[in-house]
C-alpha atoms as a PDB file:
ATOM      1  CA  MET A   1      24.810  48.435  51.895  1.00  0.00           C
ATOM      2  CA  SER A   2      28.187  48.451  53.583  1.00  0.00           C
ATOM      3  CA  LYS A   3      30.707  45.666  53.634  1.00  0.00           C
ATOM      4  CA  LEU A   4      31.168  44.066  57.052  1.00  0.00           C
ATOM      5  CA  ILE A   5      34.411  42.703  58.453  1.00  0.00           C
ATOM      6  CA  THR A   6      33.909  38.988  59.094  1.00  0.00           C
ATOM      7  CA  ILE A   7      36.066  36.330  60.686  1.00  0.00           C
ATOM      8  CA  GLU A   8      36.330  34.659  57.279  1.00  0.00           C
ATOM      9  CA  ILE A   9      37.639  37.777  55.541  1.00  0.00           C
ATOM     10  CA  VAL A  10      40.136  38.450  58.331  1.00  0.00           C
ATOM     11  CA  ASN A  11      41.315  34.820  58.287  1.00  0.00           C
ATOM     12  CA  GLU A  12      41.702  34.880  54.489  1.00  0.00           C
ATOM     13  CA  ARG A  13      43.966  37.918  54.773  1.00  0.00           C
ATOM     14  CA  LEU A  14      45.860  36.420  57.716  1.00  0.00           C
ATOM     15  CA  GLU A  15      46.481  33.194  55.782  1.00  0.00           C
ATOM     16  CA  ALA A  16      47.828  35.209  52.861  1.00  0.00           C
ATOM     17  CA  LYS A  17      50.304  36.804  55.283  1.00  0.00           C
ATOM     18  CA  GLY A  18      51.202  33.436  56.854  1.00  0.00           C
ATOM     19  CA  PHE A  19      49.370  33.783  60.161  1.00  0.00           C
ATOM     20  CA  GLY A  20      45.858  32.409  59.655  1.00  0.00           C
ATOM     21  CA  GLU A  21      44.009  29.301  60.716  1.00  0.00           C
ATOM     22  CA  LYS A  22      45.796  27.125  58.131  1.00  0.00           C
ATOM     23  CA  GLN A  23      49.185  27.989  59.615  1.00  0.00           C
ATOM     24  CA  ARG A  24      47.903  27.745  63.200  1.00  0.00           C
ATOM     25  CA  GLU A  25      46.885  24.126  62.540  1.00  0.00           C
ATOM     26  CA  ASP A  26      50.163  23.097  60.859  1.00  0.00           C
ATOM     27  CA  GLU A  27      53.229  23.563  63.045  1.00  0.00           C
ATOM     28  CA  ASN A  28      55.606  23.392  60.057  1.00  0.00           C
ATOM     29  CA  LEU A  29      53.764  26.229  58.300  1.00  0.00           C
ATOM     30  CA  ALA A  30      53.654  28.223  61.539  1.00  0.00           C
ATOM     31  CA  LYS A  31      57.399  27.717  62.048  1.00  0.00           C
ATOM     32  CA  LYS A  32      58.156  28.806  58.480  1.00  0.00           C
ATOM     33  CA  SER A  33      55.971  31.910  58.842  1.00  0.00           C
ATOM     34  CA  VAL A  34      57.640  32.970  62.098  1.00  0.00           C
ATOM     35  CA  LEU A  35      61.190  32.338  60.894  1.00  0.00           C
ATOM     36  CA  ASP A  36      60.550  34.079  57.554  1.00  0.00           C
ATOM     37  CA  TYR A  37      58.964  37.058  59.292  1.00  0.00           C
ATOM     38  CA  TYR A  38      62.025  37.555  61.508  1.00  0.00           C
ATOM     39  CA  GLY A  39      64.608  36.492  58.930  1.00  0.00           C
ATOM     40  CA  VAL A  40      65.988  33.583  60.940  1.00  0.00           C
ATOM     41  CA  GLU A  41      67.185  30.184  59.794  1.00  0.00           C
ATOM     42  CA  LEU A  42      67.517  27.369  62.347  1.00  0.00           C
ATOM     43  CA  THR A  43      70.210  24.751  61.846  1.00  0.00           C
ATOM     44  CA  GLY A  44      71.124  21.653  63.795  1.00  0.00           C
ATOM     45  CA  HIS A  45      74.643  21.668  62.347  1.00  0.00           C
ATOM     46  CA  TYR A  46      77.216  23.427  64.470  1.00  0.00           C
ATOM     47  CA  ASP A  47      78.256  26.750  63.003  1.00  0.00           C
ATOM     48  CA  SER A  48      80.908  28.758  64.833  1.00  0.00           C
ATOM     49  CA  ASN A  49      79.678  31.856  62.994  1.00  0.00           C
ATOM     50  CA  ALA A  50      76.037  31.424  64.035  1.00  0.00           C
ATOM     51  CA  ASP A  51      74.283  34.587  65.159  1.00  0.00           C
ATOM     52  CA  PHE A  52      72.813  32.718  68.148  1.00  0.00           C
ATOM     53  CA  SER A  53      73.484  29.257  69.593  1.00  0.00           C
ATOM     54  CA  VAL A  54      71.567  26.948  71.923  1.00  0.00           C
ATOM     55  CA  TYR A  55      73.258  23.757  73.055  1.00  0.00           C
ATOM     56  CA  GLU A  56      73.882  21.441  75.997  1.00  0.00           C
ATOM     57  CA  GLU A  57      77.154  21.310  77.929  1.00  0.00           C
ATOM     58  CA  SER A  58      78.314  19.236  80.892  1.00  0.00           C
ATOM     59  CA  THR A  59      79.771  20.619  84.083  1.00  0.00           C
ATOM     60  CA  VAL A  60      82.983  19.176  85.499  1.00  0.00           C
ATOM     61  CA  ASP A  61      80.944  17.049  87.922  1.00  0.00           C
ATOM     62  CA  GLY A  62      78.683  15.638  85.199  1.00  0.00           C
ATOM     63  CA  TYR A  63      75.596  17.842  85.364  1.00  0.00           C
ATOM     64  CA  SER A  64      73.951  19.170  82.228  1.00  0.00           C
ATOM     65  CA  VAL A  65      73.519  22.889  81.622  1.00  0.00           C
ATOM     66  CA  TRP A  66      72.250  24.652  78.541  1.00  0.00           C
ATOM     67  CA  ILE A  67      73.912  27.551  76.799  1.00  0.00           C
ATOM     68  CA  ALA A  68      71.895  30.170  74.904  1.00  0.00           C
ATOM     69  CA  THR A  69      74.219  32.872  73.602  1.00  0.00           C
ATOM     70  CA  HIS A  70      75.042  35.266  70.805  1.00  0.00           C
ATOM     71  CA  ASP A  71      78.778  34.699  71.293  1.00  0.00           C
ATOM     72  CA  THR A  72      80.123  31.216  72.022  1.00  0.00           C
ATOM     73  CA  ASN A  73      83.573  32.701  72.624  1.00  0.00           C
ATOM     74  CA  GLN A  74      82.393  34.895  75.499  1.00  0.00           C
ATOM     75  CA  ILE A  75      79.770  33.011  77.503  1.00  0.00           C
ATOM     76  CA  SER A  76      78.338  34.874  80.477  1.00  0.00           C
ATOM     77  CA  ILE A  77      77.557  32.496  83.325  1.00  0.00           C
ATOM     78  CA  CYS A  78      74.858  34.871  84.637  1.00  0.00           C
ATOM     79  CA  GLU A  79      73.109  35.523  81.314  1.00  0.00           C
ATOM     80  CA  ASP A  80      73.826  32.617  78.966  1.00  0.00           C
ATOM     81  CA  VAL A  81      73.893  29.473  81.130  1.00  0.00           C
ATOM     82  CA  HIS A  82      70.605  27.807  82.035  1.00  0.00           C
ATOM     83  CA  TYR A  83      70.293  25.086  84.649  1.00  0.00           C
ATOM     84  CA  TYR A  84      66.928  23.992  83.242  1.00  0.00           C
ATOM     85  CA  ASP A  85      66.080  23.614  79.572  1.00  0.00           C
ATOM     86  CA  SER A  86      62.568  24.854  80.348  1.00  0.00           C
ATOM     87  CA  ASP A  87      64.010  28.407  80.331  1.00  0.00           C
ATOM     88  CA  LEU A  88      65.315  28.093  76.787  1.00  0.00           C
ATOM     89  CA  GLY A  89      62.015  28.769  74.993  1.00  0.00           C
ATOM     90  CA  ASP A  90      61.920  32.332  76.288  1.00  0.00           C
ATOM     91  CA  ALA A  91      65.618  32.893  75.517  1.00  0.00           C
ATOM     92  CA  LEU A  92      65.230  31.581  71.968  1.00  0.00           C
ATOM     93  CA  ALA A  93      62.010  33.542  71.356  1.00  0.00           C
ATOM     94  CA  GLU A  94      63.671  36.750  72.534  1.00  0.00           C
ATOM     95  CA  ALA A  95      66.704  36.161  70.312  1.00  0.00           C
ATOM     96  CA  ILE A  96      64.477  35.485  67.283  1.00  0.00           C
ATOM     97  CA  ARG A  97      62.264  38.488  67.998  1.00  0.00           C
ATOM     98  CA  PHE A  98      65.206  40.874  68.154  1.00  0.00           C
ATOM     99  CA  SER A  99      67.169  39.393  65.260  1.00  0.00           C
ATOM    100  CA  ASN A 100      68.255  41.547  62.341  1.00  0.00           C
ATOM    101  CA  GLY A 101      67.892  39.133  59.447  1.00  0.00           C
ATOM    102  CA  ASP A 102      65.488  39.118  56.552  1.00  0.00           C
ATOM    103  CA  VAL A 103      64.124  36.457  54.218  1.00  0.00           C
ATOM    104  CA  ASP A 104      66.908  36.922  51.650  1.00  0.00           C
ATOM    105  CA  PHE A 105      69.747  37.203  54.190  1.00  0.00           C
ATOM    106  CA  PRO A 106      68.618  35.340  57.302  1.00  0.00           C
ATOM    107  CA  GLU A 107      70.488  35.194  60.566  1.00  0.00           C
ATOM    108  CA  THR A 108      71.643  31.670  61.398  1.00  0.00           C
ATOM    109  CA  PHE A 109      70.679  30.190  64.747  1.00  0.00           C
ATOM    110  CA  TYR A 110      72.410  26.976  65.777  1.00  0.00           C
ATOM    111  CA  VAL A 111      70.017  24.844  67.818  1.00  0.00           C
ATOM    112  CA  GLU A 112      71.613  21.559  68.852  1.00  0.00           C
ATOM    113  CA  ASN A 113      68.247  19.817  69.029  1.00  0.00           C
ATOM    114  CA  GLU A 114      65.804  21.336  66.536  1.00  0.00           C
ATOM    115  CA  ASP A 115      63.041  19.013  67.784  1.00  0.00           C
ATOM    116  CA  ALA A 116      63.360  20.085  71.429  1.00  0.00           C
ATOM    117  CA  HIS A 117      60.260  21.306  73.225  1.00  0.00           C
ATOM    118  CA  TYR A 118      61.803  24.739  73.792  1.00  0.00           C
ATOM    119  CA  VAL A 119      62.020  25.318  70.013  1.00  0.00           C
ATOM    120  CA  ASP A 120      58.315  24.535  69.639  1.00  0.00           C
ATOM    121  CA  GLU A 121      57.559  26.720  72.662  1.00  0.00           C
ATOM    122  CA  ALA A 122      59.463  29.687  71.190  1.00  0.00           C
ATOM    123  CA  ILE A 123      57.787  29.324  67.785  1.00  0.00           C
ATOM    124  CA  GLU A 124      54.322  29.015  69.332  1.00  0.00           C
ATOM    125  CA  GLN A 125      54.908  32.068  71.537  1.00  0.00           C
ATOM    126  CA  LEU A 126      56.035  34.148  68.555  1.00  0.00           C
ATOM    127  CA  PHE A 127      53.274  32.852  66.275  1.00  0.00           C
ATOM    128  CA  VAL A 128      50.593  33.926  68.757  1.00  0.00           C
ATOM    129  CA  TYR A 129      52.234  37.325  69.209  1.00  0.00           C
ATOM    130  CA  LEU A 130      52.556  37.906  65.449  1.00  0.00           C
ATOM    131  CA  SER A 131      49.089  36.640  64.526  1.00  0.00           C
ATOM    132  CA  GLU A 132      47.521  39.024  67.060  1.00  0.00           C
ATOM    133  CA  LYS A 133      49.660  41.928  65.843  1.00  0.00           C
ATOM    134  CA  ILE A 134      48.953  41.212  62.169  1.00  0.00           C
ATOM    135  CA  GLU A 135      45.225  40.746  62.820  1.00  0.00           C
ATOM    136  CA  VAL A 136      45.075  44.340  64.093  1.00  0.00           C
ATOM    137  CA  GLU A 137      46.867  45.465  60.912  1.00  0.00           C
ATOM    138  CA  VAL A 138      44.454  43.467  58.723  1.00  0.00           C
ATOM    139  CA  VAL A 139      41.397  44.979  60.408  1.00  0.00           C
ATOM    140  CA  ASP A 140      42.883  48.465  59.922  1.00  0.00           C
ATOM    141  CA  GLU A 141      43.498  47.675  56.216  1.00  0.00           C
ATOM    142  CA  LEU A 142      39.904  46.512  55.806  1.00  0.00           C
ATOM    143  CA  ILE A 143      38.528  49.644  57.477  1.00  0.00           C
ATOM    144  CA  ASN A 144      40.675  51.757  55.121  1.00  0.00           C
ATOM    145  CA  GLU A 145      39.149  49.814  52.219  1.00  0.00           C
ATOM    146  CA  GLY A 146      35.641  50.754  53.322  1.00  0.00           C
ATOM    147  CA  TYR A 147      34.701  47.749  55.422  1.00  0.00           C
ATOM    148  CA  GLU A 148      32.905  48.266  58.722  1.00  0.00           C
ATOM    149  CA  GLU A 149      33.155  46.393  61.978  1.00  0.00           C
ATOM    150  CA  LYS A 150      30.064  44.656  63.323  1.00  0.00           C
ATOM    151  CA  GLU A 151      28.233  46.599  66.017  1.00  0.00           C
END
């Protein structure tokens, strides 16, 4: 009798890697898994040496704009300045996804408001992406171990 790949077995392996049901249901665990995977540390304390920064600025006439940049000394109006904070989730997710840190030497990302909706949006977007990617890897591992997929 062959061993079948079940949702339970896949989830057990996903949880061991940080991307299972347990992490999906706990946003703090999901955030830790995503940030550890990419080697990123978020901080709400300003750091002029941060690898990426997201913060609010005011225009001369009193409007708010948001900056999302790798270099606070050379801000590009076209690429780094956002009129709406709803765009920041994608910018932050992209910066995290293409970071070069690791768990032992993480990149530091300064996020002025760590509780902002765009932080949660970026983490959720990356968690879904990673859990789907890692699920494919887990199924491949199980097949290599002699498990079979259900017909």
